[in-house]
Amino acid sequence: MNAIELRLLRNAEYLQYVKDFTGIINLNNPESLGIETKLSAFNTKISELEALYKKALASDKTQELLLLDERRDNAINGIYYFLLSQSYHYEADKKQKAQLLLDNMALYGSGIARLNYQAETATLNNLMRDWENKPELTDAVAFFSLSTWVDEMKAANDLFNTTYLSRTQEYGDASPETIKTKREETNAAYYALRDRIDALHLLVETPPSPYITVINQLNALTDQYNILLVNRKETGAVQQKNENPPLQ
């Protein structure tokens, strides 16, 4: 069967893929194919993963994080667009100082507000550290009277990080298993089922193989998700906002 890099699928995509995978198999009489045991083990892991994922989405702190993330996004975007406008200023001093801060921001990549949760927290902390400790950047911030913007960004980012850690602690208290660990277990069950189907198909001595139909259908499903991953890579969307980035 066709391969797919499961680790590149985000949690919601991954969950939908594995559920679709079992859904197709269920439409092809798995008992007659001799794969019901592997399928049952796979379904168990999917159910456990889905329960963890729903728990994460249901947390009160998840909604709070969305608001805090929007708040810090507004701050960094506000600073960026202000500086961008000043970089076109007719006064050379303003233009130079604005470009100095923009160049520093560019060191951390474009679209800071689109980074995933953890990456944005770290990036904003590093950026603010630069602006507090490098004299030429500190002077430029003061020159434009940006301290209130920077204070707002720092306050929102610090509160976001505190809330994020608190939510993570809640998850840990609720269950020792993380979504990452459960995905790895689900992966193992997935490969066991997939390899079982492939092996039985290869052992068929007299065609047509009773597995060819389900294999073709599963390959069509996998191809759809592979296209999704290719399109994401080509559009550079891998680092877009997502609290559950691809698991390595």
Protein backbone atom coordinates (compact mmCIF):
# COMPACT_ATOMS: atom_id res chain seq x y z
CA MET A 1 0.00 0.00 0.00
CA ASN A 2 1.03 3.61 -0.52
CA ALA A 3 3.09 5.20 2.25
CA ILE A 4 2.45 8.45 4.09
CA GLU A 5 4.51 10.47 6.59
CA LEU A 6 2.10 10.22 9.52
CA ARG A 7 4.25 12.52 11.67
CA LEU A 8 3.59 15.42 9.29
CA LEU A 9 -0.17 15.28 9.81
CA ARG A 10 -1.48 17.68 12.41
CA ASN A 11 -3.55 16.15 15.18
CA ALA A 12 -6.97 16.84 13.64
CA GLU A 13 -5.78 15.65 10.22
CA TYR A 14 -4.16 12.57 11.69
CA LEU A 15 -7.26 11.62 13.61
CA GLN A 16 -9.47 12.04 10.55
CA TYR A 17 -7.08 9.99 8.40
CA VAL A 18 -6.96 6.99 10.71
CA LYS A 19 -10.75 7.09 11.21
CA ASP A 20 -11.26 7.20 7.44
CA PHE A 21 -8.78 4.33 7.08
CA THR A 22 -10.77 2.07 9.39
CA GLY A 23 -14.03 3.28 7.88
CA ILE A 24 -12.98 2.03 4.44
CA ILE A 25 -11.89 -1.32 5.85
CA ASN A 26 -15.21 -1.74 7.66
CA LEU A 27 -17.00 -1.35 4.31
CA ASN A 28 -15.05 -4.31 2.92
CA ASN A 29 -16.04 -7.08 5.35
CA PRO A 30 -12.88 -7.26 7.50
CA GLU A 31 -13.94 -10.61 9.00
CA SER A 32 -13.73 -12.30 5.60
CA LEU A 33 -10.32 -10.73 5.03
CA GLY A 34 -8.91 -12.15 8.25
CA ILE A 35 -7.83 -8.81 9.69
CA GLU A 36 -10.43 -8.22 12.40
CA THR A 37 -7.94 -8.69 15.27
CA LYS A 38 -5.49 -6.08 13.95
CA LEU A 39 -8.40 -3.79 13.07
CA SER A 40 -9.86 -4.07 16.58
CA ALA A 41 -6.50 -3.15 18.14
CA PHE A 42 -6.22 -0.17 15.79
CA ASN A 43 -9.74 1.02 16.61
CA THR A 44 -8.96 0.85 20.32
CA LYS A 45 -5.96 3.15 19.92
CA ILE A 46 -7.96 5.54 17.76
CA SER A 47 -10.67 5.78 20.43
CA GLU A 48 -8.07 6.49 23.12
CA LEU A 49 -6.43 9.17 20.98
CA GLU A 50 -9.75 10.80 20.15
CA ALA A 51 -10.67 10.96 23.84
CA LEU A 52 -7.41 12.77 24.62
CA TYR A 53 -7.89 15.16 21.71
CA LYS A 54 -11.46 16.01 22.72
CA LYS A 55 -10.27 16.62 26.27
CA ALA A 56 -7.74 19.11 24.96
CA LEU A 57 -10.34 20.97 22.89
CA ALA A 58 -12.84 21.04 25.75
CA SER A 59 -10.55 22.73 28.27
CA ASP A 60 -11.73 26.15 29.46
CA LYS A 61 -8.15 27.31 29.17
CA THR A 62 -8.15 26.48 25.46
CA GLN A 63 -10.59 29.32 24.79
CA GLU A 64 -8.62 31.60 27.09
CA LEU A 65 -5.46 30.79 25.14
CA LEU A 66 -7.15 31.72 21.88
CA LEU A 67 -7.96 35.18 23.23
CA LEU A 68 -4.48 35.68 24.69
CA ASP A 69 -2.88 34.52 21.47
CA GLU A 70 -4.96 37.03 19.51
CA ARG A 71 -3.92 39.75 21.97
CA ARG A 72 -0.19 39.13 21.50
CA ASP A 73 -0.69 38.75 17.74
CA ASN A 74 -2.32 42.18 17.65
CA ALA A 75 0.62 43.65 19.57
CA ILE A 76 3.37 42.23 17.36
CA ASN A 77 1.41 43.03 14.19
CA GLY A 78 0.73 46.55 15.39
CA ILE A 79 4.42 47.12 16.06
CA TYR A 80 5.42 45.62 12.73
CA TYR A 81 3.05 47.69 10.60
CA PHE A 82 3.93 50.88 12.46
CA LEU A 83 7.62 50.26 11.81
CA LEU A 84 6.90 49.32 8.21
CA SER A 85 5.19 52.67 7.65
CA GLN A 86 8.09 54.50 9.28
CA SER A 87 10.57 52.69 7.04
CA TYR A 88 9.14 54.78 4.17
CA HIS A 89 9.47 58.05 6.09
CA TYR A 90 11.02 61.01 4.31
CA GLU A 91 13.17 61.74 7.39
CA ALA A 92 16.32 59.64 7.14
CA ASP A 93 16.67 59.16 10.92
CA LYS A 94 13.19 57.72 11.30
CA LYS A 95 13.64 55.54 8.26
CA GLN A 96 16.97 54.19 9.53
CA LYS A 97 15.73 53.43 13.04
CA ALA A 98 12.57 51.75 11.78
CA GLN A 99 14.59 49.57 9.42
CA LEU A 100 16.93 48.67 12.27
CA LEU A 101 14.04 47.21 14.29
CA LEU A 102 12.49 45.56 11.21
CA ASP A 103 15.79 43.89 10.38
CA ASN A 104 15.96 42.53 13.91
CA MET A 105 12.43 41.17 13.62
CA ALA A 106 13.34 39.57 10.29
CA LEU A 107 16.02 37.50 12.04
CA TYR A 108 13.17 35.49 13.56
CA GLY A 109 11.42 34.87 10.26
CA SER A 110 8.42 36.41 8.58
CA GLY A 111 4.95 36.17 10.07
CA ILE A 112 5.75 35.80 13.77
CA ALA A 113 2.02 35.91 14.56
CA ARG A 114 1.47 32.82 12.40
CA LEU A 115 3.92 30.63 14.28
CA ASN A 116 2.59 27.77 16.36
CA TYR A 117 1.94 28.47 20.05
CA GLN A 118 5.26 27.35 21.51
CA ALA A 119 7.36 28.83 18.70
CA GLU A 120 5.68 32.22 18.99
CA THR A 121 6.19 32.33 22.76
CA ALA A 122 9.91 31.66 22.39
CA THR A 123 10.30 34.04 19.45
CA LEU A 124 8.62 36.97 21.22
CA ASN A 125 10.75 36.36 24.31
CA ASN A 126 13.92 36.42 22.20
CA LEU A 127 12.80 39.52 20.33
CA MET A 128 12.03 41.44 23.51
CA ARG A 129 15.34 40.35 24.99
CA ASP A 130 17.11 41.87 22.00
CA TRP A 131 15.20 45.12 22.34
CA GLU A 132 15.96 45.34 26.06
CA ASN A 133 19.66 44.45 25.89
CA LYS A 134 20.99 45.84 22.62
CA PRO A 135 21.55 49.63 23.00
CA GLU A 136 20.85 50.55 19.37
CA LEU A 137 17.53 48.64 19.47
CA THR A 138 16.59 50.04 22.87
CA ASP A 139 17.25 53.55 21.57
CA ALA A 140 15.10 52.92 18.49
CA VAL A 141 12.19 51.67 20.63
CA ALA A 142 12.44 54.77 22.81
CA PHE A 143 12.75 57.02 19.76
CA PHE A 144 9.38 55.84 18.47
CA SER A 145 7.80 55.73 21.97
CA LEU A 146 7.00 52.05 21.48
CA SER A 147 7.41 51.08 25.14
CA THR A 148 3.65 50.79 25.72
CA TRP A 149 3.31 48.49 22.71
CA VAL A 150 6.26 46.39 23.88
CA ASP A 151 4.85 46.23 27.43
CA GLU A 152 1.51 45.05 26.04
CA MET A 153 3.22 42.38 23.94
CA LYS A 154 5.27 41.18 26.90
CA ALA A 155 2.27 41.09 29.25
CA ALA A 156 0.17 39.13 26.74
CA ASN A 157 2.99 36.72 25.96
CA ASP A 158 3.81 36.09 29.63
CA LEU A 159 0.15 35.52 30.50
CA PHE A 160 -0.24 33.23 27.50
CA ASN A 161 2.74 31.14 28.58
CA THR A 162 1.49 30.90 32.17
CA THR A 163 -1.95 29.78 30.99
CA TYR A 164 -0.45 27.34 28.49
CA LEU A 165 1.68 25.71 31.18
CA SER A 166 -1.32 25.55 33.51
CA ARG A 167 -3.39 23.80 30.86
CA THR A 168 -0.54 21.39 30.15
CA GLN A 169 -0.41 20.59 33.86
CA GLU A 170 -4.14 19.89 33.82
CA TYR A 171 -3.67 17.43 31.01
CA GLY A 172 -0.89 15.73 32.89
CA ASP A 173 -2.99 15.47 36.01
CA ALA A 174 -5.92 14.08 34.05
CA SER A 175 -3.88 11.44 32.24
CA PRO A 176 -0.20 10.47 32.17
CA GLU A 177 -0.48 9.87 28.44
CA THR A 178 0.15 12.70 26.07
CA ILE A 179 -1.29 12.99 22.60
CA LYS A 180 2.21 12.47 21.20
CA THR A 181 2.64 9.18 23.02
CA LYS A 182 -0.83 8.02 22.01
CA ARG A 183 -0.12 8.89 18.40
CA GLU A 184 2.98 6.73 18.50
CA GLU A 185 0.92 3.84 19.85
CA THR A 186 -1.71 4.42 17.18
CA ASN A 187 1.03 4.48 14.54
CA ALA A 188 2.20 1.05 15.66
CA ALA A 189 -1.32 -0.36 15.38
CA TYR A 190 -1.74 1.30 11.98
CA TYR A 191 1.43 -0.24 10.57
CA ALA A 192 0.56 -3.64 12.00
CA LEU A 193 -2.81 -3.56 10.25
CA ARG A 194 -1.44 -2.16 6.99
CA ASP A 195 1.37 -4.72 6.87
CA ARG A 196 -1.07 -7.52 7.63
CA ILE A 197 -3.21 -6.59 4.64
CA ASP A 198 -0.15 -6.31 2.39
CA ALA A 199 1.20 -9.68 3.56
CA LEU A 200 -2.09 -11.49 3.02
CA HIS A 201 -2.39 -9.92 -0.42
CA LEU A 202 1.07 -11.10 -1.41
CA LEU A 203 0.30 -14.64 -0.25
CA VAL A 204 -2.68 -14.99 -2.58
CA GLU A 205 -1.69 -17.58 -5.15
CA THR A 206 -4.74 -17.48 -7.40
CA PRO A 207 -5.89 -14.08 -8.66
CA PRO A 208 -7.89 -12.02 -8.30
CA SER A 209 -6.84 -11.16 -4.76
CA PRO A 210 -9.73 -10.46 -2.37
CA TYR A 211 -7.60 -7.62 -0.95
CA ILE A 212 -7.12 -5.62 -4.15
CA THR A 213 -10.34 -3.63 -3.75
CA VAL A 214 -9.68 -2.47 -0.20
CA ILE A 215 -6.02 -1.76 -1.05
CA ASN A 216 -7.03 0.45 -3.98
CA GLN A 217 -9.54 2.32 -1.83
CA LEU A 218 -7.03 2.83 0.98
CA ASN A 219 -4.42 4.03 -1.51
CA ALA A 220 -6.89 6.57 -2.87
CA LEU A 221 -7.42 7.86 0.68
CA THR A 222 -3.69 8.03 1.37
CA ASP A 223 -3.09 9.85 -1.91
CA GLN A 224 -5.56 12.58 -0.86
CA TYR A 225 -3.67 13.21 2.38
CA ASN A 226 -0.31 13.11 0.61
CA ILE A 227 -1.59 15.83 -1.72
CA LEU A 228 -2.56 17.89 1.33
CA LEU A 229 1.00 17.58 2.68
CA VAL A 230 2.58 18.45 -0.67
CA ASN A 231 0.37 21.53 -1.07
CA ARG A 232 1.23 22.68 2.44
CA LYS A 233 4.95 22.35 1.77
CA GLU A 234 4.70 24.17 -1.56
CA THR A 235 2.76 27.08 -0.07
CA GLY A 236 5.10 27.34 2.92
CA ALA A 237 2.22 26.82 5.34
CA VAL A 238 3.95 24.33 7.63
CA GLN A 239 4.69 26.99 10.22
CA GLN A 240 1.24 28.57 10.23
CA LYS A 241 -0.61 29.02 13.48
CA ASN A 242 -1.39 25.68 15.06
CA GLU A 243 -1.10 24.64 18.66
CA ASN A 244 -0.50 21.05 17.62
CA PRO A 245 2.34 21.18 15.10
CA PRO A 246 3.53 18.05 13.26
CA LEU A 247 4.99 15.63 15.76
CA GLN A 248 8.57 14.65 15.13
